[in-house]
Protein backbone atom coordinates (compact mmCIF):
# COMPACT_ATOMS: atom_id res chain seq x y z
CA MET A 1 0.00 0.00 0.00
CA LYS A 2 1.34 3.40 -1.01
CA ILE A 3 1.58 5.80 1.92
CA ASP A 4 0.46 9.39 1.48
CA CYS A 5 3.31 11.94 1.24
CA GLY A 6 1.72 14.08 3.96
CA ILE A 7 2.01 11.24 6.47
CA VAL A 8 5.61 10.53 5.51
CA GLN A 9 6.57 14.20 5.75
CA ASP A 10 5.07 14.27 9.27
CA LEU A 11 7.41 11.40 10.17
CA ILE A 12 10.54 12.79 8.48
CA PRO A 13 11.53 15.32 11.23
CA SER A 14 11.52 12.51 13.83
CA TYR A 15 13.39 10.29 11.38
CA ALA A 16 16.03 13.02 10.84
CA ASP A 17 16.47 13.40 14.61
CA LYS A 18 16.62 9.57 15.00
CA VAL A 19 13.80 9.45 17.53
CA CYS A 20 11.11 7.63 15.54
CA SER A 21 10.08 3.99 15.97
CA GLU A 22 11.51 1.20 13.85
CA SER A 23 8.28 0.81 11.89
CA SER A 24 8.15 4.56 11.11
CA LYS A 25 11.79 4.45 10.06
CA GLN A 26 11.11 1.57 7.68
CA CYS A 27 8.05 3.35 6.30
CA VAL A 28 10.01 6.53 5.55
CA GLU A 29 12.92 4.67 3.97
CA GLU A 30 10.67 2.66 1.67
CA HIS A 31 8.71 5.74 0.62
CA ILE A 32 11.70 7.99 -0.20
CA LYS A 33 13.11 5.35 -2.55
CA GLU A 34 10.38 6.25 -5.01
CA CYS A 35 9.32 9.77 -3.96
CA LYS A 36 11.68 12.60 -4.99
CA ALA A 37 9.70 15.27 -3.12
CA CYS A 38 9.89 13.48 0.23
CA ARG A 39 13.53 12.59 -0.36
CA ALA A 40 14.29 16.28 -0.97
CA TYR A 41 12.38 17.20 2.21
CA LEU A 42 14.42 14.70 4.21
CA GLU A 43 17.68 16.14 2.86
CA GLU A 44 16.50 19.61 3.86
CA CYS A 45 15.71 18.41 7.39
CA LEU A 46 19.10 16.75 7.70
CA SER A 47 20.93 19.87 6.45
CA VAL A 48 19.33 22.27 8.94
CA GLU A 49 19.34 19.79 11.85
CA LEU A 50 15.89 20.47 13.28
CA SER A 51 15.46 20.70 17.08
CA GLY A 52 15.50 17.46 18.97
CA ALA A 53 18.15 14.95 19.94
CA ALA A 54 20.59 16.07 17.22
CA LEU A 55 20.38 19.74 18.23
CA GLU A 56 20.67 18.88 21.92
CA GLU A 57 23.78 16.82 21.24
CA LYS A 58 25.24 19.69 19.20
CA GLN A 59 24.59 22.12 22.07
CA LEU A 60 26.20 19.77 24.58
CA ASP A 61 29.20 19.37 22.32
CA GLY A 62 29.52 23.16 22.07
CA LEU A 63 29.29 23.46 25.87
CA ARG A 64 32.04 20.87 26.31
CA LYS A 65 34.28 22.83 23.92
CA VAL A 66 33.66 26.07 25.83
CA LYS A 67 34.46 24.41 29.15
CA LYS A 68 37.65 22.94 27.71
CA LYS A 69 38.66 26.35 26.35
CA ILE A 70 38.00 28.03 29.72
CA LYS A 71 39.99 25.32 31.50
CA LEU A 72 42.98 25.79 29.19
CA GLN A 73 42.70 29.56 29.52
CA ASN A 74 42.68 29.32 33.32
CA MET A 75 45.70 27.01 33.29
CA PHE A 76 47.54 29.55 31.11
CA SER A 77 46.47 32.32 33.50
CA TYR A 78 47.85 30.47 36.53
CA ALA A 79 51.08 29.80 34.65
CA LEU A 80 51.38 33.47 33.72
CA LEU A 81 50.75 34.52 37.32
CA LEU A 82 53.42 32.15 38.64
CA ILE A 83 55.93 33.14 35.94
CA VAL A 84 55.58 36.87 36.65
CA ILE A 85 55.82 36.42 40.43
CA GLY A 86 58.69 33.93 40.14
CA PHE A 87 60.52 36.09 37.62
CA ALA A 88 60.26 39.19 39.82
CA THR A 89 61.23 37.36 43.01
CA TYR A 90 64.21 35.54 41.49
CA PHE A 91 65.75 38.53 39.78
CA PHE A 92 65.20 40.81 42.76
CA THR A 93 66.75 38.44 45.29
CA THR A 94 69.72 37.62 43.03
CA ASN A 95 70.35 41.31 42.27
CA ILE A 96 70.09 40.70 38.52
CA GLY A 97 73.64 41.03 37.39
CA ALA A 98 73.39 38.91 34.28
CA ILE A 99 70.48 40.46 32.38
CA GLY A 100 70.79 43.83 30.66
CA VAL A 101 68.20 46.49 31.36
CA ARG A 102 67.12 46.62 27.69
CA TRP A 103 65.89 43.05 27.91
CA TYR A 104 63.04 44.39 29.99
CA TYR A 105 61.62 46.38 27.10
CA GLY A 106 60.87 43.23 25.11
CA LEU A 107 59.85 41.21 28.16
CA TYR A 108 57.46 43.96 29.21
CA ALA A 109 55.79 44.03 25.77
CA VAL A 110 55.42 40.23 25.78
CA ALA A 111 53.99 40.20 29.33
CA VAL A 112 51.42 42.89 28.52
CA ALA A 113 50.36 41.17 25.28
CA ALA A 114 50.08 37.75 26.99
CA THR A 115 48.08 39.15 29.90
CA PHE A 116 45.61 40.92 27.63
CA VAL A 117 45.17 37.84 25.41
CA VAL A 118 44.56 35.65 28.46
CA THR A 119 41.94 38.01 29.92
CA MET A 120 40.17 38.98 26.69
CA HIS A 121 37.13 36.78 27.50
CA GLY A 122 36.67 38.04 31.07
CA LYS A 123 33.94 40.44 32.18
CA ALA A 124 35.82 43.69 31.75
CA ASN A 125 35.20 46.36 34.36
CA VAL A 126 34.29 49.30 32.17
CA LYS A 127 33.50 51.27 35.34
CA TYR A 128 36.08 51.00 38.14
CA GLU A 129 34.77 49.60 41.39
CA LYS A 130 36.15 50.75 44.75
CA ILE A 131 38.62 47.86 45.04
CA GLU A 132 40.02 48.55 41.56
CA LYS A 133 40.50 52.21 42.46
CA ILE A 134 42.40 51.19 45.60
CA MET A 135 44.56 48.68 43.71
CA THR A 136 45.30 51.16 40.92
CA GLY A 137 46.19 53.85 43.46
CA MET A 138 48.55 51.49 45.30
CA SER A 139 50.27 50.58 42.04
CA LEU A 140 50.77 54.22 41.03
CA VAL A 141 52.07 55.10 44.51
CA ALA A 142 54.57 52.21 44.31
CA ILE A 143 55.91 53.52 40.97
CA ALA A 144 56.19 57.06 42.36
CA TYR A 145 57.84 55.74 45.55
CA ALA A 146 60.56 53.84 43.68
CA LEU A 147 61.12 56.74 41.29
CA PHE A 148 61.40 59.27 44.12
CA TRP A 149 64.03 57.38 46.12
CA TYR A 150 66.21 56.61 43.12
CA CYS A 151 66.10 60.21 41.84
CA PHE A 152 66.60 61.71 45.31
CA ILE A 153 69.52 59.49 46.35
CA MET A 154 71.28 59.38 42.99
CA GLY A 155 70.76 63.10 42.42
CA SER A 156 72.42 63.85 45.76
CA VAL A 157 75.29 61.43 45.16
CA SER A 158 75.96 62.93 41.72
CA LYS A 159 76.44 66.32 43.45
CA GLY A 160 78.92 64.82 45.90
CA ASN A 161 76.49 64.50 48.82
CA VAL A 162 75.29 61.35 50.57
CA PRO A 163 71.90 62.12 52.18
CA LEU A 164 70.16 60.74 55.27
CA GLY A 165 73.43 60.13 57.09
CA LEU A 166 74.30 57.20 54.81
CA GLU A 167 77.80 56.08 53.97
CA ILE A 168 78.60 55.82 50.26
CA GLY A 169 78.73 52.02 50.58
CA GLN A 170 75.20 51.95 52.04
CA VAL A 171 73.51 53.70 49.10
CA GLY A 172 72.95 50.52 47.07
CA GLU A 173 71.56 48.62 50.06
CA PHE A 174 69.25 51.52 50.96
CA LEU A 175 67.84 51.75 47.41
CA HIS A 176 67.50 47.98 47.19
CA LEU A 177 65.36 47.99 50.34
CA HIS A 178 62.99 50.65 49.05
CA THR A 179 62.67 49.18 45.56
CA GLY A 180 61.87 45.90 47.29
CA ILE A 181 58.97 47.57 49.12
CA ALA A 182 57.64 49.03 45.86
CA LEU A 183 58.09 45.70 44.04
CA SER A 184 56.14 43.85 46.77
CA VAL A 185 53.22 46.25 46.36
CA GLU A 186 53.19 45.79 42.58
CA LEU A 187 53.29 42.00 42.92
CA ALA A 188 50.39 42.09 45.38
CA VAL A 189 48.30 44.25 43.03
CA PHE A 190 49.06 42.07 40.01
CA ALA A 191 48.37 38.83 41.92
CA TYR A 192 45.07 40.11 43.35
CA THR A 193 43.86 41.36 39.97
CA MET A 194 44.68 38.05 38.29
CA VAL A 195 43.05 36.03 41.10
CA ARG A 196 39.96 38.23 40.78
CA TYR A 197 39.84 37.31 37.10
CA LEU A 198 40.43 33.60 37.70
CA LYS A 199 37.91 33.30 40.55
CA TRP A 200 35.14 35.67 39.45
CA ASP A 201 35.92 36.13 35.74
CA VAL A 202 36.13 39.90 36.28
CA VAL A 203 39.18 41.73 34.98
CA CYS A 204 40.23 45.37 35.22
CA ARG A 205 42.79 45.64 32.44
CA GLY A 206 43.77 49.17 33.44
CA THR A 207 44.94 47.97 36.86
CA LEU A 208 46.73 45.01 35.29
CA LEU A 209 48.52 47.29 32.84
CA ILE A 210 49.66 49.73 35.55
CA SER A 211 50.88 46.96 37.86
CA LEU A 212 52.82 45.27 35.03
CA THR A 213 54.35 48.61 34.06
CA GLY A 214 55.38 49.17 37.67
CA LEU A 215 56.79 45.66 37.97
CA PHE A 216 59.07 45.96 34.96
CA PHE A 217 60.07 49.53 35.76
CA ILE A 218 61.12 48.56 39.28
CA LEU A 219 62.91 45.42 38.04
CA ALA A 220 64.84 47.54 35.54
CA GLN A 221 65.68 49.95 38.35
CA THR A 222 66.89 47.06 40.51
CA THR A 223 69.13 45.88 37.68
CA LEU A 224 70.81 49.28 37.60
CA LEU A 225 71.63 49.07 41.30
CA GLY A 226 74.37 46.63 40.32
CA SER A 227 76.17 49.33 38.33
CA LEU A 228 76.19 52.22 40.82
CA SER A 229 79.97 52.40 40.64
CA GLU A 230 79.56 53.82 37.11
CA LEU A 231 77.36 56.68 38.25
CA GLU A 232 76.96 58.54 34.95
CA THR A 233 76.19 55.38 32.96
CA SER A 234 73.74 54.15 35.61
CA MET A 235 71.80 57.42 35.63
CA ARG A 236 71.70 57.57 31.82
CA ASN A 237 70.37 54.01 31.65
CA PHE A 238 67.86 54.77 34.38
CA THR A 239 66.54 57.75 32.42
CA GLU A 240 66.25 55.60 29.31
CA ALA A 241 64.44 52.79 31.15
CA THR A 242 62.05 55.27 32.76
CA VAL A 243 61.17 56.91 29.45
CA VAL A 244 60.84 53.65 27.49
CA ILE A 245 58.89 51.52 30.00
CA LEU A 246 56.61 54.26 31.32
CA GLY A 247 56.18 55.54 27.74
CA MET A 248 55.17 52.09 26.53
CA GLY A 249 52.75 51.89 29.44
CA MET A 250 51.16 55.20 28.45
CA VAL A 251 50.79 54.08 24.83
CA CYS A 252 49.17 50.79 25.91
CA GLY A 253 46.92 52.77 28.25
CA LEU A 254 45.75 54.98 25.39
CA VAL A 255 45.04 51.90 23.25
CA LEU A 256 43.11 50.35 26.14
CA TRP A 257 41.14 53.58 26.62
CA GLY A 258 40.29 53.62 22.91
CA ILE A 259 39.09 50.02 23.01
CA GLY A 260 36.96 50.75 26.08
CA LYS A 261 35.43 53.78 24.37
CA VAL A 262 34.46 51.68 21.34
CA GLN A 263 32.94 48.97 23.58
CA ARG A 264 30.80 51.53 25.44
CA ARG A 265 29.14 52.71 22.21
């Protein structure tokens, strides 16, 4: 008995989703062998994947891919956090004699790019919350603190004076102590901001940028403490590092501001 096309076409969506009974399946398959119209309708159903088991499976597959991507991204974020903290701690405690200050320019650019790529899928704080304002303020104060002591002490020494009752041999130790304080603040800000992203998926890229700028500026400053015996060279290199790293930070900040402005439209 020939089955009406209307009945078969009512069965085809279930057939395409593989949820029909065996008898309905057999009925559809026998009918489409001879009916071009129903065969074309079946092909259309298969191409668009109508809702049902097939669509649900596709959605689950997509969810699994997203979870896998987030997991890999978080692993990369933890690795980045540990690398930055380990890098800063190692080079500060070993007094960084082996690495030239210009290496920091490239390392800084790579660190900023990696951090922004890692956090690009987080919920960006377009409007600063109170905690971000505090963290950003701490980071800026740390940069100003390190800059002040280096300029004050080295400026006095270059004029033949040793301030604060220090002996000439104590200058390096004194500056190392104060750059260590500033570096600790920058590490705390960077770590907190990254943990905030990893735990709550909220990222304030402005705070991250400022803390990274401070980290690399202070590390470059610490490197120069190993060459205080060559006073003129040390001060020239310090000026260069200040202009380059803080300048790069300002440029990145302007780019970030531009991106934020576009996103708010």
